[in-house]
Amino acid sequence: MRTAVRRRSLTVPLADKQTAASGVDALPPLREVIAAYGLSARRSLGQNFLLDLNITRRIARAAGPLENATVLEIGPGPGGLTRALLEEGANTVIAVERDDRCLAALEQVAAVVDGRLHIVAGDALSVDVNALAEQYGMLRVVANLPYNISTPLLIGWLKKLSLFDRFVLMFQSEVADRLTSLPGPKTYGRLSVAAQWQCEVKPLFTLPPRAFTPAPKVSSTVVELKPRAHPLAEAEPDLLEEVVAAAFGQRRKMLRAALKGTFTDPQAVLTESGIAPEARAETVSIEGFCALARELARERARMRG
């Protein structure tokens, strides 16, 4: 889907929180907006609307301070979290919405916040975050992510981490558990390594299904990811991803077997890296996987030479 950006002037001075709140407070309640525009949630778009203002404000405050931030919000729907971000003083909110039905409701919000809301009509997976960062500066992502695209979105952002200063994101609790897991349990896997290698990852709070409209079948957890100044350990990203994918692709096998297609002599490499060849992927630390990635870099260099 081609992305259309609805631009408004960036020259309008930032209103203080009291002024921002007064403009948003003049808007009709979210339930009236949903009824007026026929915004029933669509399962095909992974939509579960968050209408409780106390919860949306809690998320916005967790992402603060926002006064100097450019916030990227994915899937704003009728604009509940959007309103909270603006009330909390976000300098700029870029709202990416695929559902054309929601655009008019978001325009209603944009009309009362003095040019601080910029609406991008399109699929979040297709949005050029490089272009957004070039236009608006460092991005802070704050979003109740659509369940069906939350993981691919995050993986894509992690590969362009220099564009972002922070993430405060709502996931299914199962995904949040994988993001925050330490080595050992079954929840530890590729997503754990990808996120924690470059970010400090912390669960903030969990919401029950009844907090959403319609209520999903699972709980949801808000997670904060703060980019590290440096990754946990040295590794080439592509080689680290290759090693981790191979190890967890056959996670029931011992690593000496799971890594046969990656290294010419996995047993020797594992021993050299301080990892027991009989170990399984879920027991290996991120630093351990980085050591394996460095060994893979050396092996590939020898093969090329």
Protein backbone atom coordinates (compact mmCIF):
# COMPACT_ATOMS: atom_id res chain seq x y z
CA MET A 1 0.00 0.00 0.00
CA ARG A 2 1.37 3.40 -0.88
CA THR A 3 1.87 5.67 2.11
CA ALA A 4 0.16 9.04 2.11
CA VAL A 5 1.40 11.61 4.60
CA ARG A 6 -0.95 14.37 5.71
CA ARG A 7 1.38 17.16 6.74
CA ARG A 8 0.63 20.10 8.95
CA SER A 9 2.83 23.04 9.80
CA LEU A 10 5.65 22.34 12.25
CA THR A 11 6.09 26.05 13.00
CA VAL A 12 3.28 26.29 15.53
CA PRO A 13 4.74 26.64 19.06
CA LEU A 14 4.22 23.71 21.41
CA ALA A 15 1.27 24.29 23.71
CA ASP A 16 1.74 23.50 27.38
CA LYS A 17 0.02 20.47 28.86
CA GLN A 18 -2.91 22.45 30.22
CA THR A 19 -3.65 23.97 26.80
CA ALA A 20 -3.18 20.62 25.09
CA ALA A 21 -5.52 18.93 27.52
CA SER A 22 -8.20 21.59 27.08
CA GLY A 23 -8.21 21.07 23.31
CA VAL A 24 -8.45 17.29 23.60
CA ASP A 25 -11.04 17.54 26.38
CA ALA A 26 -13.34 19.34 23.94
CA LEU A 27 -13.54 16.21 21.80
CA PRO A 28 -16.52 13.85 22.11
CA PRO A 29 -16.04 10.64 24.15
CA LEU A 30 -14.37 7.79 22.29
CA ARG A 31 -17.44 5.59 22.39
CA GLU A 32 -19.42 8.32 20.63
CA VAL A 33 -16.66 8.61 18.01
CA ILE A 34 -16.72 4.86 17.44
CA ALA A 35 -20.49 4.92 17.02
CA ALA A 36 -20.47 7.99 14.76
CA TYR A 37 -17.88 6.57 12.35
CA GLY A 38 -18.92 2.92 12.58
CA LEU A 39 -15.54 1.84 13.93
CA SER A 40 -16.20 -1.73 14.95
CA ALA A 41 -12.87 -3.48 15.53
CA ARG A 42 -11.74 -5.77 12.73
CA ARG A 43 -10.02 -9.03 13.59
CA SER A 44 -8.29 -9.05 10.20
CA LEU A 45 -6.44 -5.88 11.23
CA GLY A 46 -5.61 -7.14 14.72
CA GLN A 47 -7.72 -4.37 16.26
CA ASN A 48 -8.61 -4.23 19.95
CA PHE A 49 -9.43 -0.68 20.97
CA LEU A 50 -8.22 0.74 24.27
CA LEU A 51 -10.86 3.19 25.48
CA ASP A 52 -10.10 3.57 29.19
CA LEU A 53 -8.54 7.03 29.56
CA ASN A 54 -6.82 6.09 32.80
CA ILE A 55 -4.97 3.29 31.00
CA THR A 56 -4.05 5.35 27.94
CA ARG A 57 -2.72 8.11 30.18
CA ARG A 58 -0.73 5.54 32.15
CA ILE A 59 0.93 4.34 28.95
CA ALA A 60 1.64 7.90 27.81
CA ARG A 61 3.18 8.81 31.16
CA ALA A 62 5.31 5.66 31.10
CA ALA A 63 6.77 6.91 27.82
CA GLY A 64 7.48 10.40 29.15
CA PRO A 65 8.65 13.02 29.43
CA LEU A 66 7.23 13.77 26.00
CA GLU A 67 7.70 17.53 25.62
CA ASN A 68 10.72 17.17 23.31
CA ALA A 69 9.74 13.84 21.77
CA THR A 70 8.52 12.89 18.32
CA VAL A 71 6.20 9.96 18.99
CA LEU A 72 5.45 7.31 16.38
CA GLU A 73 2.15 5.58 17.11
CA ILE A 74 1.09 2.49 15.17
CA GLY A 75 -2.58 1.59 14.79
CA PRO A 76 -4.18 4.47 16.71
CA GLY A 77 -7.70 3.41 15.73
CA PRO A 78 -10.18 5.99 17.05
CA GLY A 79 -7.36 7.84 18.82
CA GLY A 80 -7.56 6.93 22.51
CA LEU A 81 -3.80 6.66 23.10
CA THR A 82 -3.25 9.47 20.59
CA ARG A 83 -5.26 11.81 22.80
CA ALA A 84 -3.32 10.78 25.89
CA LEU A 85 0.04 11.37 24.20
CA LEU A 86 -1.03 14.84 23.16
CA GLU A 87 -2.48 15.60 26.60
CA GLU A 88 0.87 14.63 28.12
CA GLY A 89 2.55 17.23 25.93
CA ALA A 90 4.10 15.23 23.07
CA ASN A 91 5.85 17.66 20.74
CA THR A 92 4.75 15.72 17.66
CA VAL A 93 2.70 12.54 17.21
CA ILE A 94 2.92 10.66 13.92
CA ALA A 95 -0.06 8.32 13.80
CA VAL A 96 0.15 5.48 11.27
CA GLU A 97 -3.26 4.02 10.49
CA ARG A 98 -4.16 1.44 7.84
CA ASP A 99 -7.93 1.49 8.43
CA ASP A 100 -9.43 4.25 6.30
CA ARG A 101 -12.49 4.35 8.57
CA CYS A 102 -10.37 5.75 11.41
CA LEU A 103 -8.83 8.65 9.48
CA ALA A 104 -11.77 11.01 9.96
CA ALA A 105 -11.74 10.39 13.72
CA LEU A 106 -8.02 11.16 13.81
CA GLU A 107 -8.55 14.30 11.73
CA GLN A 108 -10.99 15.42 14.42
CA VAL A 109 -8.17 15.15 16.97
CA ALA A 110 -5.69 16.90 14.67
CA ALA A 111 -8.03 19.87 14.35
CA VAL A 112 -7.70 20.81 18.04
CA VAL A 113 -3.98 20.28 18.75
CA ASP A 114 -2.29 23.05 16.79
CA GLY A 115 -0.41 21.04 14.20
CA ARG A 116 1.11 18.47 16.54
CA LEU A 117 -0.65 15.43 15.07
CA HIS A 118 0.52 14.12 11.69
CA ILE A 119 -1.51 11.32 10.14
CA VAL A 120 0.08 8.69 7.91
CA ALA A 121 -2.48 6.64 6.01
CA GLY A 122 -0.91 3.28 5.24
CA ASP A 123 0.39 -0.08 6.39
CA ALA A 124 2.90 0.23 9.25
CA LEU A 125 5.01 -2.55 7.72
CA SER A 126 5.50 -0.40 4.61
CA VAL A 127 6.20 2.93 6.29
CA ASP A 128 9.69 4.29 5.61
CA VAL A 129 10.96 5.05 9.12
CA ASN A 130 14.22 6.37 7.62
CA ALA A 131 12.24 9.09 5.85
CA LEU A 132 10.23 9.86 8.99
CA ALA A 133 13.39 10.19 11.09
CA GLU A 134 14.98 12.40 8.45
CA GLN A 135 11.94 14.69 8.47
CA TYR A 136 11.05 14.68 12.17
CA GLY A 137 14.22 13.60 14.01
CA MET A 138 14.72 10.79 16.51
CA LEU A 139 11.56 8.70 16.96
CA ARG A 140 9.98 7.31 20.12
CA VAL A 141 7.49 4.53 19.42
CA VAL A 142 4.50 4.36 21.77
CA ALA A 143 1.74 2.06 20.63
CA ASN A 144 -0.92 -0.51 21.35
CA LEU A 145 0.43 -2.66 18.53
CA PRO A 146 -1.92 -4.68 16.33
CA TYR A 147 -1.34 -8.26 17.49
CA ASN A 148 -0.88 -9.68 14.02
CA ILE A 149 2.12 -7.50 13.08
CA SER A 150 3.74 -6.70 16.44
CA THR A 151 6.73 -9.05 16.13
CA PRO A 152 7.73 -8.25 12.51
CA LEU A 153 7.41 -4.54 13.28
CA LEU A 154 9.71 -4.78 16.28
CA ILE A 155 12.29 -6.90 14.43
CA GLY A 156 12.36 -4.31 11.65
CA TRP A 157 12.84 -1.45 14.11
CA LEU A 158 15.65 -3.26 15.92
CA LYS A 159 17.55 -3.42 12.65
CA LYS A 160 17.35 0.39 12.42
CA LEU A 161 17.83 1.13 16.10
CA SER A 162 19.78 4.36 15.58
CA LEU A 163 16.52 6.03 14.47
CA PHE A 164 14.81 5.46 17.83
CA ASP A 165 15.37 6.70 21.37
CA ARG A 166 12.86 4.44 23.13
CA PHE A 167 9.93 2.04 22.71
CA VAL A 168 6.89 1.68 24.97
CA LEU A 169 4.77 -1.00 23.35
CA MET A 170 1.75 -3.16 24.11
CA PHE A 171 2.11 -6.84 23.20
CA GLN A 172 0.21 -10.02 23.88
CA SER A 173 1.59 -11.15 27.22
CA GLU A 174 2.97 -14.29 25.58
CA VAL A 175 5.12 -12.14 23.29
CA ALA A 176 6.13 -9.89 26.19
CA ASP A 177 7.30 -12.98 28.09
CA ARG A 178 9.51 -13.95 25.16
CA LEU A 179 10.93 -10.44 24.89
CA THR A 180 11.91 -10.27 28.55
CA SER A 181 12.90 -13.89 29.20
CA LEU A 182 16.30 -14.82 30.58
CA PRO A 183 18.04 -18.07 29.49
CA GLY A 184 16.51 -21.26 30.82
CA PRO A 185 12.75 -21.39 30.26
CA LYS A 186 10.96 -22.17 27.00
CA THR A 187 10.06 -18.50 26.60
CA TYR A 188 13.72 -17.69 25.89
CA GLY A 189 14.37 -17.68 22.18
CA ARG A 190 15.24 -15.69 19.07
CA LEU A 191 13.10 -12.71 20.04
CA SER A 192 14.69 -12.56 23.51
CA VAL A 193 18.18 -12.42 22.01
CA ALA A 194 17.30 -9.94 19.26
CA ALA A 195 15.72 -7.48 21.69
CA GLN A 196 18.02 -7.80 24.69
CA TRP A 197 21.27 -7.77 22.72
CA GLN A 198 20.64 -4.13 21.80
CA CYS A 199 18.07 -2.92 24.35
CA GLU A 200 17.31 -2.92 28.03
CA VAL A 201 13.92 -4.62 28.10
CA LYS A 202 11.50 -4.27 31.01
CA PRO A 203 7.81 -5.23 31.46
CA LEU A 204 5.86 -2.30 32.90
CA PHE A 205 2.33 -3.58 33.58
CA THR A 206 -0.20 -6.13 32.36
CA LEU A 207 -3.80 -5.50 31.34
CA PRO A 208 -6.64 -8.03 31.40
CA PRO A 209 -8.74 -8.72 28.29
CA ARG A 210 -11.65 -6.66 29.67
CA ALA A 211 -9.58 -3.48 29.27
CA PHE A 212 -10.10 -3.67 25.50
CA THR A 213 -13.02 -3.40 23.11
CA PRO A 214 -13.66 -6.07 22.00
CA ALA A 215 -11.99 -8.13 24.71
CA PRO A 216 -9.25 -10.38 23.27
CA LYS A 217 -8.76 -13.93 24.55
CA VAL A 218 -5.40 -13.11 26.14
CA SER A 219 -3.84 -10.57 28.49
CA SER A 220 -1.61 -7.81 27.19
CA THR A 221 1.59 -6.37 28.63
CA VAL A 222 3.23 -2.98 28.13
CA VAL A 223 6.98 -3.35 27.61
CA GLU A 224 9.69 -0.71 27.60
CA LEU A 225 12.76 -1.12 25.38
CA LYS A 226 15.62 1.35 25.83
CA PRO A 227 18.44 1.15 23.27
CA ARG A 228 21.79 0.39 24.87
CA ALA A 229 24.76 2.67 24.23
CA HIS A 230 26.53 -0.48 23.01
CA PRO A 231 25.26 -4.05 22.41
CA LEU A 232 25.77 -6.54 25.23
CA ALA A 233 28.72 -8.12 23.38
CA GLU A 234 30.51 -7.72 20.07
CA ALA A 235 29.00 -9.51 17.08
CA GLU A 236 28.08 -8.90 13.46
CA PRO A 237 24.27 -8.61 13.44
CA ASP A 238 23.71 -10.85 10.42
CA LEU A 239 25.99 -13.59 11.76
CA LEU A 240 24.45 -13.39 15.22
CA GLU A 241 21.00 -13.75 13.68
CA GLU A 242 22.21 -16.74 11.62
CA VAL A 243 23.66 -18.54 14.64
CA VAL A 244 20.62 -17.87 16.82
CA ALA A 245 18.21 -18.98 14.09
CA ALA A 246 20.11 -22.24 13.61
CA ALA A 247 20.30 -22.95 17.33
CA PHE A 248 16.63 -22.28 18.04
CA GLY A 249 15.45 -23.77 14.76
CA GLN A 250 16.20 -27.17 16.30
CA ARG A 251 15.94 -26.24 19.95
CA ARG A 252 15.28 -29.80 21.12
CA LYS A 253 18.65 -30.90 19.78
CA MET A 254 22.02 -30.47 21.45
CA LEU A 255 23.89 -27.53 19.98
CA ARG A 256 26.59 -29.73 18.45
CA ALA A 257 23.83 -31.21 16.26
CA ALA A 258 21.76 -28.05 15.75
CA LEU A 259 24.80 -26.11 14.46
CA LYS A 260 26.07 -28.78 12.04
CA GLY A 261 24.92 -26.79 9.03
CA THR A 262 26.49 -23.59 10.35
CA PHE A 263 30.01 -24.60 11.43
CA THR A 264 32.36 -27.17 9.92
CA ASP A 265 33.21 -28.45 13.42
CA PRO A 266 30.51 -27.26 15.84
CA GLN A 267 31.82 -29.29 18.76
CA ALA A 268 35.22 -27.60 18.61
CA VAL A 269 33.66 -24.15 18.16
CA LEU A 270 31.32 -24.63 21.12
CA THR A 271 34.17 -25.76 23.33
CA GLU A 272 36.31 -22.81 22.21
CA SER A 273 33.42 -20.47 23.07
CA GLY A 274 33.00 -21.92 26.56
CA ILE A 275 29.68 -23.59 25.75
CA ALA A 276 29.04 -27.27 26.45
CA PRO A 277 28.44 -29.08 23.11
CA GLU A 278 25.59 -30.97 24.84
CA ALA A 279 23.83 -27.74 25.80
CA ARG A 280 20.58 -26.68 24.20
CA ALA A 281 19.84 -23.26 22.76
CA GLU A 282 17.61 -22.02 25.60
CA THR A 283 20.48 -22.35 28.11
CA VAL A 284 22.95 -20.14 26.21
CA SER A 285 23.38 -16.51 27.22
CA ILE A 286 23.32 -13.67 24.70
CA GLU A 287 27.05 -13.23 25.29
CA GLY A 288 27.48 -16.92 24.42
CA PHE A 289 25.66 -16.50 21.12
CA CYS A 290 27.81 -13.45 20.38
CA ALA A 291 30.93 -15.57 20.97
CA LEU A 292 29.60 -18.10 18.47
CA ALA A 293 28.91 -15.32 15.96
CA ARG A 294 32.51 -14.12 16.30
CA GLU A 295 33.74 -17.68 15.72
CA LEU A 296 31.55 -17.87 12.62
CA ALA A 297 33.05 -14.61 11.34
CA ARG A 298 36.56 -16.05 11.79
CA GLU A 299 35.61 -19.31 10.05
CA ARG A 300 34.06 -17.47 7.10
CA ALA A 301 37.15 -15.25 6.84
CA ARG A 302 39.42 -18.31 6.71
CA MET A 303 37.26 -19.86 4.01
CA ARG A 304 37.42 -16.69 1.91
CA GLY A 305 41.20 -16.44 2.40
